Amino acid sequence: MATVTLGDIRAARERIAGKVERTSIVLSASLSERLGVPVHLKLEHRQTTGSFKLRGASNAVASLDAEEKARGVVAASTGNHGRALAHAAKLEGMRAVICMSRLVPKNKLDEIRRLGAEVRIVGNSQDDAQQEVERLVTEEGLVMLPPFDHPA
């Protein structure tokens, strides 16, 4: 995997500006005391979708070209990435398909659907969901945006 440069970080910041919340950073007195150094926490749970995953999903979607956006996106998820990708795709008016196993709680499925994504329930594991993602990439031409290890 390529090294992420400061320029890459600045470009990502520009791409996601206005699409994510600027969350607070607070000093954790208890962690600072325990570790003997100042520890600050970034309150990413305050993002619209409830986690830091919105930053990566928004950046990945914003990095797609027009042809890729027209094809739509797909990912396997157990919740947070799926919710973030559904939100990011909705902002761009794109199709999003989120593949999940039968073990994912209903409230997570409902929230992803509420955001306009198509949810595919596949098998009993994340591996099963990922196989469906790969099938959709091959057969329908969707763009895979994984929850981690993505260059954007």
N, C-alpha and C. Protein backbone atom coordinates (compact mmCIF):
# COMPACT_ATOMS: atom_id res chain seq x y z
N MET A 1 0.85 -1.18 0.00
CA MET A 1 0.00 0.00 0.00
C MET A 1 0.89 1.24 0.00
N ALA A 2 0.47 2.24 -0.74
CA ALA A 2 1.25 3.47 -0.88
C ALA A 2 1.24 4.28 0.42
N THR A 3 2.30 5.03 0.61
CA THR A 3 2.39 5.91 1.77
C THR A 3 1.45 7.10 1.59
N VAL A 4 0.74 7.44 2.65
CA VAL A 4 -0.16 8.60 2.63
C VAL A 4 0.66 9.83 2.98
N THR A 5 0.60 10.82 2.11
CA THR A 5 1.38 12.05 2.31
C THR A 5 0.51 13.13 2.94
N LEU A 6 1.16 14.18 3.42
CA LEU A 6 0.42 15.32 3.94
C LEU A 6 -0.46 15.93 2.85
N GLY A 7 0.03 15.92 1.64
CA GLY A 7 -0.76 16.41 0.51
C GLY A 7 -2.03 15.58 0.29
N ASP A 8 -1.90 14.26 0.46
CA ASP A 8 -3.07 13.38 0.35
C ASP A 8 -4.11 13.72 1.41
N ILE A 9 -3.63 13.97 2.61
CA ILE A 9 -4.53 14.30 3.73
C ILE A 9 -5.24 15.63 3.46
N ARG A 10 -4.49 16.59 2.98
CA ARG A 10 -5.09 17.91 2.68
C ARG A 10 -6.12 17.80 1.55
N ALA A 11 -5.81 17.00 0.54
CA ALA A 11 -6.76 16.81 -0.57
C ALA A 11 -8.03 16.12 -0.08
N ALA A 12 -7.88 15.14 0.80
CA ALA A 12 -9.05 14.46 1.37
C ALA A 12 -9.89 15.44 2.18
N ARG A 13 -9.22 16.28 2.94
CA ARG A 13 -9.94 17.28 3.74
C ARG A 13 -10.80 18.17 2.84
N GLU A 14 -10.25 18.56 1.71
CA GLU A 14 -11.01 19.40 0.77
C GLU A 14 -12.20 18.64 0.18
N ARG A 15 -11.97 17.36 -0.15
CA ARG A 15 -13.06 16.57 -0.75
C ARG A 15 -14.23 16.37 0.20
N ILE A 16 -13.96 16.25 1.50
CA ILE A 16 -15.04 15.95 2.45
C ILE A 16 -15.59 17.20 3.14
N ALA A 17 -15.01 18.35 2.86
CA ALA A 17 -15.48 19.59 3.48
C ALA A 17 -16.97 19.78 3.19
N GLY A 18 -17.74 20.03 4.23
CA GLY A 18 -19.17 20.22 4.09
C GLY A 18 -19.97 18.94 4.05
N LYS A 19 -19.29 17.80 4.03
CA LYS A 19 -19.97 16.50 3.98
C LYS A 19 -19.90 15.76 5.30
N VAL A 20 -19.02 16.20 6.17
CA VAL A 20 -18.87 15.59 7.50
C VAL A 20 -18.84 16.70 8.55
N GLU A 21 -19.13 16.33 9.77
CA GLU A 21 -19.08 17.29 10.87
C GLU A 21 -17.63 17.54 11.29
N ARG A 22 -17.35 18.74 11.72
CA ARG A 22 -16.05 19.03 12.35
C ARG A 22 -16.24 18.74 13.83
N THR A 23 -15.85 17.56 14.24
CA THR A 23 -16.10 17.13 15.61
C THR A 23 -15.06 17.69 16.58
N SER A 24 -15.46 17.79 17.82
CA SER A 24 -14.61 18.35 18.87
C SER A 24 -13.49 17.40 19.25
N ILE A 25 -12.46 17.98 19.83
CA ILE A 25 -11.37 17.24 20.46
C ILE A 25 -11.36 17.66 21.92
N VAL A 26 -11.36 16.67 22.81
CA VAL A 26 -11.38 16.98 24.24
C VAL A 26 -10.25 16.25 24.95
N LEU A 27 -9.76 16.86 26.01
CA LEU A 27 -8.73 16.24 26.84
C LEU A 27 -9.40 15.21 27.74
N SER A 28 -8.85 14.01 27.78
CA SER A 28 -9.33 12.99 28.69
C SER A 28 -8.46 13.02 29.94
N ALA A 29 -9.01 13.56 31.01
CA ALA A 29 -8.25 13.67 32.26
C ALA A 29 -7.86 12.30 32.78
N SER A 30 -8.79 11.35 32.73
CA SER A 30 -8.50 10.02 33.29
C SER A 30 -7.42 9.29 32.50
N LEU A 31 -7.50 9.32 31.16
CA LEU A 31 -6.47 8.66 30.36
C LEU A 31 -5.14 9.38 30.47
N SER A 32 -5.17 10.69 30.50
CA SER A 32 -3.94 11.47 30.65
C SER A 32 -3.24 11.14 31.95
N GLU A 33 -4.02 11.06 33.02
CA GLU A 33 -3.45 10.73 34.33
C GLU A 33 -2.89 9.31 34.33
N ARG A 34 -3.64 8.40 33.78
CA ARG A 34 -3.22 6.99 33.78
C ARG A 34 -1.95 6.76 32.96
N LEU A 35 -1.83 7.46 31.83
CA LEU A 35 -0.69 7.25 30.94
C LEU A 35 0.46 8.22 31.16
N GLY A 36 0.21 9.26 31.92
CA GLY A 36 1.27 10.22 32.22
C GLY A 36 1.59 11.18 31.09
N VAL A 37 0.74 11.24 30.11
CA VAL A 37 0.88 12.17 28.99
C VAL A 37 -0.51 12.70 28.62
N PRO A 38 -0.58 13.88 28.02
CA PRO A 38 -1.89 14.37 27.62
C PRO A 38 -2.51 13.47 26.54
N VAL A 39 -3.75 13.06 26.75
CA VAL A 39 -4.48 12.25 25.78
C VAL A 39 -5.73 13.02 25.38
N HIS A 40 -5.84 13.28 24.10
CA HIS A 40 -7.01 13.98 23.56
C HIS A 40 -7.86 12.99 22.77
N LEU A 41 -9.16 13.15 22.85
CA LEU A 41 -10.10 12.28 22.14
C LEU A 41 -10.85 13.08 21.08
N LYS A 42 -10.94 12.52 19.89
CA LYS A 42 -11.72 13.12 18.80
C LYS A 42 -13.11 12.50 18.86
N LEU A 43 -14.13 13.31 19.01
CA LEU A 43 -15.48 12.83 19.27
C LEU A 43 -16.22 12.48 17.98
N GLU A 44 -15.70 11.47 17.28
CA GLU A 44 -16.27 11.07 15.99
C GLU A 44 -17.63 10.39 16.11
N HIS A 45 -18.00 9.99 17.31
CA HIS A 45 -19.35 9.43 17.49
C HIS A 45 -20.42 10.49 17.24
N ARG A 46 -20.01 11.73 17.14
CA ARG A 46 -20.95 12.83 16.87
C ARG A 46 -21.16 13.07 15.37
N GLN A 47 -20.52 12.27 14.53
CA GLN A 47 -20.79 12.37 13.10
C GLN A 47 -22.26 12.02 12.84
N THR A 48 -22.77 12.48 11.74
CA THR A 48 -24.16 12.23 11.35
C THR A 48 -24.50 10.75 11.41
N THR A 49 -23.55 9.91 11.03
CA THR A 49 -23.79 8.46 11.01
C THR A 49 -23.27 7.75 12.25
N GLY A 50 -22.72 8.49 13.20
CA GLY A 50 -22.33 7.91 14.48
C GLY A 50 -20.93 7.35 14.59
N SER A 51 -20.11 7.48 13.55
CA SER A 51 -18.74 6.97 13.66
C SER A 51 -17.81 7.69 12.68
N PHE A 52 -16.53 7.46 12.87
CA PHE A 52 -15.49 8.04 12.00
C PHE A 52 -15.56 7.50 10.58
N LYS A 53 -16.27 6.41 10.37
CA LYS A 53 -16.33 5.78 9.04
C LYS A 53 -16.87 6.73 7.97
N LEU A 54 -17.64 7.73 8.39
CA LEU A 54 -18.18 8.68 7.42
C LEU A 54 -17.07 9.44 6.70
N ARG A 55 -15.97 9.70 7.38
CA ARG A 55 -14.86 10.42 6.73
C ARG A 55 -14.30 9.61 5.56
N GLY A 56 -14.01 8.36 5.80
CA GLY A 56 -13.45 7.51 4.75
C GLY A 56 -14.42 7.26 3.61
N ALA A 57 -15.68 6.99 3.95
CA ALA A 57 -16.68 6.73 2.92
C ALA A 57 -16.91 7.98 2.07
N SER A 58 -17.00 9.13 2.70
CA SER A 58 -17.21 10.37 1.96
C SER A 58 -16.03 10.67 1.04
N ASN A 59 -14.83 10.45 1.53
CA ASN A 59 -13.64 10.68 0.72
C ASN A 59 -13.58 9.71 -0.45
N ALA A 60 -13.89 8.45 -0.20
CA ALA A 60 -13.85 7.45 -1.27
C ALA A 60 -14.88 7.77 -2.35
N VAL A 61 -16.09 8.12 -1.96
CA VAL A 61 -17.13 8.46 -2.93
C VAL A 61 -16.75 9.72 -3.71
N ALA A 62 -16.24 10.71 -3.02
CA ALA A 62 -15.84 11.96 -3.68
C ALA A 62 -14.66 11.75 -4.63
N SER A 63 -13.89 10.70 -4.43
CA SER A 63 -12.73 10.41 -5.28
C SER A 63 -13.11 9.69 -6.57
N LEU A 64 -14.34 9.22 -6.67
CA LEU A 64 -14.77 8.49 -7.87
C LEU A 64 -14.96 9.46 -9.04
N ASP A 65 -14.69 8.96 -10.24
CA ASP A 65 -14.97 9.78 -11.42
C ASP A 65 -16.44 9.62 -11.81
N ALA A 66 -16.89 10.37 -12.80
CA ALA A 66 -18.30 10.39 -13.18
C ALA A 66 -18.79 9.01 -13.62
N GLU A 67 -17.98 8.28 -14.35
CA GLU A 67 -18.36 6.95 -14.82
C GLU A 67 -18.54 6.00 -13.65
N GLU A 68 -17.64 6.06 -12.69
CA GLU A 68 -17.75 5.20 -11.51
C GLU A 68 -18.97 5.56 -10.67
N LYS A 69 -19.23 6.85 -10.52
CA LYS A 69 -20.42 7.28 -9.77
C LYS A 69 -21.69 6.77 -10.43
N ALA A 70 -21.72 6.76 -11.76
CA ALA A 70 -22.89 6.28 -12.48
C ALA A 70 -23.12 4.79 -12.27
N ARG A 71 -22.04 4.04 -12.05
CA ARG A 71 -22.16 2.59 -11.84
C ARG A 71 -22.70 2.27 -10.45
N GLY A 72 -22.42 3.09 -9.46
CA GLY A 72 -22.85 2.82 -8.10
C GLY A 72 -21.76 2.11 -7.31
N VAL A 73 -21.98 2.02 -6.00
CA VAL A 73 -20.97 1.45 -5.10
C VAL A 73 -21.54 0.28 -4.32
N VAL A 74 -20.63 -0.57 -3.86
CA VAL A 74 -21.01 -1.75 -3.08
C VAL A 74 -19.95 -2.01 -2.03
N ALA A 75 -20.38 -2.52 -0.89
CA ALA A 75 -19.45 -2.89 0.18
C ALA A 75 -20.09 -3.93 1.07
N ALA A 76 -19.25 -4.70 1.73
CA ALA A 76 -19.68 -5.59 2.81
C ALA A 76 -19.48 -4.83 4.11
N SER A 77 -20.42 -4.99 5.03
CA SER A 77 -20.33 -4.24 6.28
C SER A 77 -21.11 -4.95 7.37
N THR A 78 -20.69 -4.70 8.60
CA THR A 78 -21.48 -5.15 9.76
C THR A 78 -22.24 -3.97 10.36
N GLY A 79 -22.10 -2.78 9.76
CA GLY A 79 -22.89 -1.66 10.26
C GLY A 79 -22.34 -0.29 9.96
N ASN A 80 -21.27 0.12 10.63
CA ASN A 80 -20.82 1.51 10.54
C ASN A 80 -20.39 1.93 9.14
N HIS A 81 -19.62 1.10 8.46
CA HIS A 81 -19.19 1.46 7.10
C HIS A 81 -20.39 1.47 6.16
N GLY A 82 -21.27 0.52 6.30
CA GLY A 82 -22.46 0.48 5.45
C GLY A 82 -23.30 1.72 5.62
N ARG A 83 -23.48 2.12 6.85
CA ARG A 83 -24.26 3.33 7.14
C ARG A 83 -23.57 4.56 6.55
N ALA A 84 -22.27 4.64 6.72
CA ALA A 84 -21.51 5.78 6.19
C ALA A 84 -21.54 5.81 4.67
N LEU A 85 -21.35 4.67 4.04
CA LEU A 85 -21.35 4.62 2.58
C LEU A 85 -22.74 4.94 2.03
N ALA A 86 -23.78 4.45 2.68
CA ALA A 86 -25.14 4.77 2.26
C ALA A 86 -25.38 6.28 2.31
N HIS A 87 -24.92 6.90 3.38
CA HIS A 87 -25.07 8.35 3.54
C HIS A 87 -24.29 9.11 2.47
N ALA A 88 -23.04 8.74 2.26
CA ALA A 88 -22.19 9.42 1.28
C ALA A 88 -22.75 9.26 -0.13
N ALA A 89 -23.22 8.07 -0.46
CA ALA A 89 -23.78 7.83 -1.79
C ALA A 89 -25.08 8.63 -1.98
N LYS A 90 -25.88 8.70 -0.94
CA LYS A 90 -27.14 9.46 -1.02
C LYS A 90 -26.86 10.93 -1.33
N LEU A 91 -25.84 11.49 -0.68
CA LEU A 91 -25.49 12.89 -0.93
C LEU A 91 -25.10 13.13 -2.39
N GLU A 92 -24.54 12.10 -3.03
CA GLU A 92 -24.10 12.22 -4.42
C GLU A 92 -25.17 11.74 -5.41
N GLY A 93 -26.31 11.26 -4.90
CA GLY A 93 -27.37 10.75 -5.77
C GLY A 93 -27.01 9.44 -6.44
N MET A 94 -26.21 8.64 -5.75
CA MET A 94 -25.70 7.39 -6.31
C MET A 94 -26.41 6.17 -5.75
N ARG A 95 -26.35 5.08 -6.49
CA ARG A 95 -26.81 3.79 -6.01
C ARG A 95 -25.77 3.23 -5.05
N ALA A 96 -26.25 2.67 -3.94
CA ALA A 96 -25.36 1.98 -2.99
C ALA A 96 -26.00 0.65 -2.62
N VAL A 97 -25.19 -0.39 -2.65
CA VAL A 97 -25.62 -1.72 -2.22
C VAL A 97 -24.71 -2.13 -1.08
N ILE A 98 -25.31 -2.49 0.06
CA ILE A 98 -24.55 -2.91 1.22
C ILE A 98 -24.88 -4.38 1.48
N CYS A 99 -23.85 -5.22 1.47
CA CYS A 99 -24.02 -6.66 1.70
C CYS A 99 -23.69 -6.97 3.15
N MET A 100 -24.61 -7.69 3.80
CA MET A 100 -24.47 -7.97 5.23
C MET A 100 -24.89 -9.41 5.50
N SER A 101 -24.37 -9.96 6.57
CA SER A 101 -24.76 -11.32 6.94
C SER A 101 -26.08 -11.30 7.72
N ARG A 102 -26.65 -12.46 7.89
CA ARG A 102 -27.90 -12.60 8.66
C ARG A 102 -27.71 -12.24 10.13
N LEU A 103 -26.48 -12.14 10.58
CA LEU A 103 -26.21 -11.89 11.99
C LEU A 103 -26.25 -10.41 12.37
N VAL A 104 -26.34 -9.53 11.39
CA VAL A 104 -26.36 -8.09 11.66
C VAL A 104 -27.73 -7.71 12.26
N PRO A 105 -27.73 -6.96 13.35
CA PRO A 105 -29.00 -6.58 13.99
C PRO A 105 -29.91 -5.76 13.07
N LYS A 106 -31.20 -5.96 13.23
CA LYS A 106 -32.22 -5.31 12.41
C LYS A 106 -32.11 -3.79 12.43
N ASN A 107 -31.80 -3.20 13.58
CA ASN A 107 -31.72 -1.74 13.64
C ASN A 107 -30.65 -1.19 12.70
N LYS A 108 -29.55 -1.93 12.51
CA LYS A 108 -28.51 -1.48 11.59
C LYS A 108 -28.99 -1.58 10.14
N LEU A 109 -29.68 -2.67 9.83
CA LEU A 109 -30.24 -2.84 8.48
C LEU A 109 -31.23 -1.72 8.17
N ASP A 110 -32.11 -1.45 9.12
CA ASP A 110 -33.14 -0.43 8.93
C ASP A 110 -32.54 0.94 8.69
N GLU A 111 -31.49 1.28 9.42
CA GLU A 111 -30.87 2.60 9.26
C GLU A 111 -30.21 2.74 7.89
N ILE A 112 -29.57 1.69 7.43
CA ILE A 112 -28.93 1.73 6.11
C ILE A 112 -29.99 1.86 5.02
N ARG A 113 -31.08 1.12 5.17
CA ARG A 113 -32.19 1.24 4.21
C ARG A 113 -32.79 2.64 4.25
N ARG A 114 -32.94 3.20 5.44
CA ARG A 114 -33.50 4.54 5.59
C ARG A 114 -32.68 5.57 4.81
N LEU A 115 -31.39 5.32 4.72
CA LEU A 115 -30.50 6.23 3.98
C LEU A 115 -30.54 6.00 2.47
N GLY A 116 -31.36 5.06 2.03
CA GLY A 116 -31.56 4.86 0.61
C GLY A 116 -30.75 3.76 -0.04
N ALA A 117 -29.94 3.06 0.72
CA ALA A 117 -29.14 1.98 0.15
C ALA A 117 -29.96 0.70 0.06
N GLU A 118 -29.59 -0.11 -0.89
CA GLU A 118 -30.16 -1.45 -1.01
C GLU A 118 -29.34 -2.37 -0.09
N VAL A 119 -30.01 -3.13 0.74
CA VAL A 119 -29.32 -4.05 1.65
C VAL A 119 -29.52 -5.47 1.13
N ARG A 120 -28.44 -6.20 0.98
CA ARG A 120 -28.49 -7.61 0.59
C ARG A 120 -28.04 -8.44 1.77
N ILE A 121 -28.90 -9.30 2.25
CA ILE A 121 -28.57 -10.20 3.35
C ILE A 121 -28.06 -11.49 2.74
N VAL A 122 -26.81 -11.83 3.08
CA VAL A 122 -26.15 -12.97 2.45
C VAL A 122 -25.42 -13.79 3.49
N GLY A 123 -25.81 -15.04 3.67
CA GLY A 123 -25.06 -15.97 4.51
C GLY A 123 -25.00 -15.60 5.97
N ASN A 124 -24.07 -16.26 6.66
CA ASN A 124 -23.92 -16.11 8.10
C ASN A 124 -22.60 -15.49 8.52
N SER A 125 -21.87 -14.93 7.58
CA SER A 125 -20.56 -14.37 7.94
C SER A 125 -20.22 -13.19 7.04
N GLN A 126 -19.24 -12.45 7.48
CA GLN A 126 -18.73 -11.33 6.68
C GLN A 126 -18.09 -11.85 5.40
N ASP A 127 -17.50 -13.03 5.46
CA ASP A 127 -16.92 -13.63 4.25
C ASP A 127 -17.99 -13.88 3.20
N ASP A 128 -19.16 -14.36 3.63
CA ASP A 128 -20.27 -14.58 2.70
C ASP A 128 -20.71 -13.26 2.07
N ALA A 129 -20.80 -12.23 2.89
CA ALA A 129 -21.19 -10.91 2.39
C ALA A 129 -20.16 -10.39 1.38
N GLN A 130 -18.89 -10.61 1.66
CA GLN A 130 -17.83 -10.15 0.75
C GLN A 130 -17.89 -10.89 -0.58
N GLN A 131 -18.25 -12.16 -0.56
CA GLN A 131 -18.39 -12.91 -1.81
C GLN A 131 -19.50 -12.31 -2.68
N GLU A 132 -20.58 -11.86 -2.04
CA GLU A 132 -21.66 -11.21 -2.79
C GLU A 132 -21.18 -9.89 -3.37
N VAL A 133 -20.38 -9.16 -2.63
CA VAL A 133 -19.79 -7.91 -3.15
C VAL A 133 -19.01 -8.20 -4.42
N GLU A 134 -18.16 -9.19 -4.36
CA GLU A 134 -17.33 -9.53 -5.52
C GLU A 134 -18.18 -9.95 -6.71
N ARG A 135 -19.27 -10.67 -6.45
CA ARG A 135 -20.18 -11.06 -7.53
C ARG A 135 -20.82 -9.82 -8.16
N LEU A 136 -21.25 -8.87 -7.33
CA LEU A 136 -21.89 -7.66 -7.85
C LEU A 136 -20.92 -6.79 -8.64
N VAL A 137 -19.67 -6.77 -8.23
CA VAL A 137 -18.65 -6.03 -8.98
C VAL A 137 -18.50 -6.65 -10.37
N THR A 138 -18.41 -7.97 -10.41
CA THR A 138 -18.21 -8.68 -11.68
C THR A 138 -19.45 -8.64 -12.57
N GLU A 139 -20.61 -8.93 -12.00
CA GLU A 139 -21.82 -9.08 -12.81
C GLU A 139 -22.56 -7.77 -13.08
N GLU A 140 -22.52 -6.83 -12.15
CA GLU A 140 -23.28 -5.59 -12.32
C GLU A 140 -22.40 -4.36 -12.51
N GLY A 141 -21.09 -4.53 -12.33
CA GLY A 141 -20.18 -3.41 -12.56
C GLY A 141 -20.13 -2.38 -11.45
N LEU A 142 -20.66 -2.72 -10.27
CA LEU A 142 -20.60 -1.78 -9.15
C LEU A 142 -19.14 -1.57 -8.72
N VAL A 143 -18.86 -0.44 -8.13
CA VAL A 143 -17.52 -0.12 -7.64
C VAL A 143 -17.43 -0.53 -6.18
N MET A 144 -16.46 -1.38 -5.86
CA MET A 144 -16.28 -1.83 -4.48
C MET A 144 -15.54 -0.76 -3.67
N LEU A 145 -16.14 -0.37 -2.55
CA LEU A 145 -15.49 0.54 -1.61
C LEU A 145 -15.45 -0.16 -0.26
N PRO A 146 -14.34 -0.82 0.04
CA PRO A 146 -14.24 -1.61 1.28
C PRO A 146 -14.15 -0.72 2.53
N PRO A 147 -14.43 -1.31 3.69
CA PRO A 147 -14.40 -0.54 4.94
C PRO A 147 -13.00 -0.18 5.42
N PHE A 148 -11.98 -0.74 4.82
CA PHE A 148 -10.59 -0.46 5.20
C PHE A 148 -9.70 -0.78 4.02
N ASP A 149 -8.44 -0.40 4.10
CA ASP A 149 -7.45 -0.69 3.06
C ASP A 149 -7.85 -0.16 1.69
N HIS A 150 -8.43 1.02 1.65
CA HIS A 150 -8.77 1.63 0.36
C HIS A 150 -7.84 2.82 0.15
N PRO A 151 -7.30 2.99 -1.06
CA PRO A 151 -6.31 4.05 -1.27
C PRO A 151 -6.85 5.47 -1.08
N ALA A 152 -8.15 5.68 -1.24
CA ALA A 152 -8.69 7.03 -1.04
C ALA A 152 -8.70 7.32 0.44
